[in-house]
Amino acid sequence: MEEPTGMAKAGQAEALSSLIARAARAGKGAPPVERWNPPFCGDLDMEIRSDGSWWYMGTPINRMPLVQLFSSVLRKDDDGQTYLVTPVEKVGIRVADAHFLAVEMVVTGTGDSQLLTFRTNVGDVVEAGPAHPLRFVEDGETGGMKPYLHVRGRLEALVTRSMTYELLELGEEATIDDRNVIAVRSGGALFPVMEVDRLEMLSQ
């Protein structure tokens, strides 16, 4: 996405105000953004950074109600790009990592009945399970694990580092697709973290 300059910035500010007004109307309840097919209207100089903060034209958006409003009309399409979508327009934004952060986790039940319920930084409450799987990615920089939780559509929340340790403490050995893995259980599903051999190698 190209960075806007000069008059384009003034145009973006006006476009953003209009978008906010339309998003506010669209955001009543749960917007069916996956069913909307509006025309693409260009890119905004807006970014969701890796710490979950939202920025517009280099300035943080500190008003949580506004962030929550934007998050309600967020959509990632099959082209890999993320957009803010209303019934009449679609504008592109940048995402450094995940769309949200999972900032709180509650564990209920034990064994096969264990359920992990997460709260995101924008207020979504999501129960991990077959409809909202967890996936684990090895961080190439640190060698640690980065867990992601499916929230809706193609949108995911990155589990915060401190909560990742809590999550990994719930790991158990299991066999999935003929592989011996460490996995996390929730909602009747097992989500592989890494192969046991890989964990043993990292622990040496």
Protein backbone atom coordinates (compact mmCIF):
# COMPACT_ATOMS: atom_id res chain seq x y z
CA MET A 1 0.00 0.00 0.00
CA GLU A 2 1.35 3.40 -0.93
CA GLU A 3 1.74 6.04 1.77
CA PRO A 4 -0.53 9.08 1.14
CA THR A 5 1.06 12.50 0.82
CA GLY A 6 -0.05 16.11 0.52
CA MET A 7 -3.63 16.64 -0.52
CA ALA A 8 -4.22 12.90 -0.34
CA LYS A 9 -3.95 13.12 3.46
CA ALA A 10 -6.66 15.76 3.64
CA GLY A 11 -8.80 13.61 1.40
CA GLN A 12 -8.20 10.64 3.64
CA ALA A 13 -9.27 12.56 6.73
CA GLU A 14 -12.57 13.42 5.07
CA ALA A 15 -12.97 9.86 3.79
CA LEU A 16 -12.29 8.52 7.27
CA SER A 17 -14.97 10.72 8.82
CA SER A 18 -17.47 9.46 6.26
CA LEU A 19 -16.39 5.89 6.87
CA ILE A 20 -16.85 6.28 10.62
CA ALA A 21 -20.40 7.50 10.08
CA ARG A 22 -21.24 4.58 7.79
CA ALA A 23 -19.48 2.05 10.00
CA ALA A 24 -21.43 3.26 13.03
CA ARG A 25 -24.68 2.49 11.25
CA ALA A 26 -23.36 -0.82 9.92
CA GLY A 27 -21.93 -1.77 13.30
CA LYS A 28 -25.26 -2.19 15.06
CA GLY A 29 -25.23 -5.77 16.26
CA ALA A 30 -22.99 -8.18 14.33
CA PRO A 31 -22.40 -6.76 10.83
CA PRO A 32 -22.58 -9.41 8.09
CA VAL A 33 -19.37 -8.13 6.48
CA GLU A 34 -18.71 -11.48 4.78
CA ARG A 35 -21.88 -11.01 2.71
CA TRP A 36 -21.17 -7.45 1.60
CA ASN A 37 -19.54 -6.87 -1.79
CA PRO A 38 -18.93 -3.12 -2.06
CA PRO A 39 -16.43 -1.54 -4.49
CA PHE A 40 -12.82 -1.07 -3.41
CA CYS A 41 -12.25 2.63 -2.66
CA GLY A 42 -8.50 2.67 -2.09
CA ASP A 43 -6.19 2.35 0.90
CA LEU A 44 -6.21 4.29 4.16
CA ASP A 45 -3.02 5.16 6.02
CA MET A 46 -4.22 3.00 8.90
CA GLU A 47 -2.34 0.17 10.59
CA ILE A 48 -2.89 -2.43 13.29
CA ARG A 49 0.53 -2.83 14.86
CA SER A 50 1.95 -5.99 16.38
CA ASP A 51 1.08 -4.80 19.90
CA GLY A 52 -2.59 -4.57 18.91
CA SER A 53 -2.67 -0.77 18.76
CA TRP A 54 -4.43 1.02 15.91
CA TRP A 55 -2.73 3.94 14.14
CA TYR A 56 -4.05 6.44 11.63
CA MET A 57 -1.65 8.65 9.65
CA GLY A 58 1.12 7.97 12.17
CA THR A 59 -1.03 8.80 15.22
CA PRO A 60 -2.39 6.22 17.66
CA ILE A 61 -6.16 5.88 17.87
CA ASN A 62 -6.69 6.01 21.62
CA ARG A 63 -10.49 6.08 21.65
CA MET A 64 -11.48 2.48 22.39
CA PRO A 65 -15.09 2.90 21.17
CA LEU A 66 -13.70 3.96 17.80
CA VAL A 67 -11.28 1.02 17.68
CA GLN A 68 -14.13 -1.34 18.57
CA LEU A 69 -16.25 0.21 15.85
CA PHE A 70 -13.56 -0.30 13.22
CA SER A 71 -12.90 -3.84 14.44
CA SER A 72 -16.57 -4.71 13.92
CA VAL A 73 -16.31 -4.01 10.16
CA LEU A 74 -12.88 -5.59 9.67
CA ARG A 75 -12.48 -8.28 7.03
CA LYS A 76 -9.56 -10.20 5.55
CA ASP A 77 -10.21 -11.34 2.00
CA ASP A 78 -8.78 -14.28 0.10
CA ASP A 79 -6.24 -11.94 -1.50
CA GLY A 80 -4.54 -11.82 1.90
CA GLN A 81 -5.33 -8.13 2.42
CA THR A 82 -7.37 -6.65 5.27
CA TYR A 83 -10.13 -4.13 4.73
CA LEU A 84 -12.67 -2.02 6.56
CA VAL A 85 -15.97 -2.88 4.91
CA THR A 86 -19.36 -1.17 4.95
CA PRO A 87 -22.31 -1.92 2.67
CA VAL A 88 -21.12 0.76 0.23
CA GLU A 89 -17.31 0.77 0.34
CA LYS A 90 -14.18 -1.25 1.07
CA VAL A 91 -10.88 0.39 2.06
CA GLY A 92 -7.55 -1.29 2.68
CA ILE A 93 -5.51 -1.06 5.87
CA ARG A 94 -2.19 -2.57 7.00
CA VAL A 95 -1.82 -5.30 9.62
CA ALA A 96 1.63 -5.99 11.09
CA ASP A 97 0.74 -9.36 12.61
CA ALA A 98 -2.66 -10.39 13.96
CA HIS A 99 -5.88 -8.38 13.83
CA PHE A 100 -6.45 -8.62 17.58
CA LEU A 101 -4.73 -9.60 20.81
CA ALA A 102 -6.11 -12.27 23.13
CA VAL A 103 -5.55 -10.61 26.50
CA GLU A 104 -7.45 -12.81 28.96
CA MET A 105 -8.09 -16.54 29.25
CA VAL A 106 -10.42 -18.48 31.54
CA VAL A 107 -10.10 -22.26 31.88
CA THR A 108 -13.20 -24.23 32.85
CA GLY A 109 -13.72 -27.98 33.10
CA THR A 110 -11.08 -30.69 33.00
CA GLY A 111 -10.07 -33.49 30.66
CA ASP A 112 -12.31 -33.86 27.62
CA SER A 113 -14.61 -31.16 29.05
CA GLN A 114 -11.90 -28.51 29.28
CA LEU A 115 -12.85 -25.21 27.65
CA LEU A 116 -10.62 -22.20 27.06
CA THR A 117 -12.48 -18.90 26.77
CA PHE A 118 -10.58 -15.85 25.57
CA ARG A 119 -11.26 -12.12 25.61
CA THR A 120 -9.67 -9.93 22.95
CA ASN A 121 -8.39 -6.39 23.31
CA VAL A 122 -11.50 -5.11 21.51
CA GLY A 123 -13.96 -7.04 23.65
CA ASP A 124 -14.66 -10.20 21.65
CA VAL A 125 -15.27 -13.29 23.79
CA VAL A 126 -14.29 -16.48 21.97
CA GLU A 127 -14.40 -20.11 23.08
CA ALA A 128 -11.59 -22.13 21.52
CA GLY A 129 -12.87 -25.26 19.81
CA PRO A 130 -13.64 -26.70 16.37
CA ALA A 131 -15.30 -23.45 15.24
CA HIS A 132 -12.53 -21.28 16.69
CA PRO A 133 -9.28 -23.25 16.49
CA LEU A 134 -5.93 -22.39 18.00
CA ARG A 135 -2.83 -22.61 15.84
CA PHE A 136 0.77 -22.38 16.99
CA VAL A 137 3.60 -20.86 14.95
CA GLU A 138 7.27 -21.00 15.89
CA ASP A 139 8.72 -17.51 16.13
CA GLY A 140 11.78 -17.44 13.90
CA GLU A 141 13.34 -14.61 15.91
CA THR A 142 12.96 -15.97 19.44
CA GLY A 143 12.39 -19.68 18.86
CA GLY A 144 9.30 -19.45 21.05
CA MET A 145 5.72 -20.27 20.14
CA LYS A 146 3.14 -17.75 18.97
CA PRO A 147 -0.43 -18.98 19.44
CA TYR A 148 -3.20 -17.55 17.27
CA LEU A 149 -6.93 -17.89 17.95
CA HIS A 150 -9.50 -17.78 15.17
CA VAL A 151 -12.03 -15.06 15.96
CA ARG A 152 -14.25 -14.74 12.87
CA GLY A 153 -13.95 -14.92 9.12
CA ARG A 154 -10.20 -14.92 8.42
CA LEU A 155 -9.45 -12.75 11.45
CA GLU A 156 -7.23 -14.00 14.26
CA ALA A 157 -6.05 -12.88 17.69
CA LEU A 158 -2.45 -13.31 18.82
CA VAL A 159 -2.27 -14.66 22.36
CA THR A 160 -0.13 -12.33 24.50
CA ARG A 161 3.29 -13.59 25.55
CA SER A 162 2.45 -13.81 29.26
CA MET A 163 -0.70 -15.76 28.54
CA THR A 164 1.16 -18.03 26.12
CA TYR A 165 3.05 -19.50 29.09
CA GLU A 166 -0.27 -20.21 30.83
CA LEU A 167 -1.54 -21.85 27.67
CA LEU A 168 1.54 -24.04 27.22
CA GLU A 169 1.26 -25.24 30.82
CA LEU A 170 -2.01 -26.87 29.74
CA GLY A 171 -0.22 -28.90 27.06
CA GLU A 172 -0.46 -32.69 27.02
CA GLU A 173 1.12 -35.39 24.92
CA ALA A 174 -1.14 -36.73 22.18
CA THR A 175 -1.03 -38.50 18.83
CA ILE A 176 -2.45 -36.48 15.95
CA ASP A 177 -2.15 -37.70 12.36
CA ASP A 178 0.35 -40.35 13.51
CA ARG A 179 2.57 -37.69 15.08
CA ASN A 180 3.53 -37.51 18.75
CA VAL A 181 2.84 -33.94 19.72
CA ILE A 182 2.26 -31.62 22.63
CA ALA A 183 -1.29 -30.36 22.24
CA VAL A 184 -3.77 -28.07 23.98
CA ARG A 185 -7.33 -29.23 24.53
CA SER A 186 -10.45 -27.06 24.35
CA GLY A 187 -14.07 -27.52 23.36
CA GLY A 188 -13.60 -31.19 22.54
CA ALA A 189 -10.71 -30.54 20.14
CA LEU A 190 -6.95 -30.99 20.37
CA PHE A 191 -4.69 -28.33 18.89
CA PRO A 192 -1.08 -29.38 18.21
CA VAL A 193 1.61 -27.08 19.58
CA MET A 194 4.73 -28.91 18.34
CA GLU A 195 6.12 -32.39 17.95
CA VAL A 196 7.47 -33.96 21.13
CA ASP A 197 10.89 -34.51 19.50
CA ARG A 198 11.08 -30.83 18.62
CA LEU A 199 10.22 -29.81 22.18
CA GLU A 200 12.89 -32.13 23.58
CA MET A 201 15.47 -30.66 21.20
CA LEU A 202 14.57 -27.10 22.25
CA SER A 203 14.76 -28.08 25.91
CA GLN A 204 18.33 -29.38 25.67
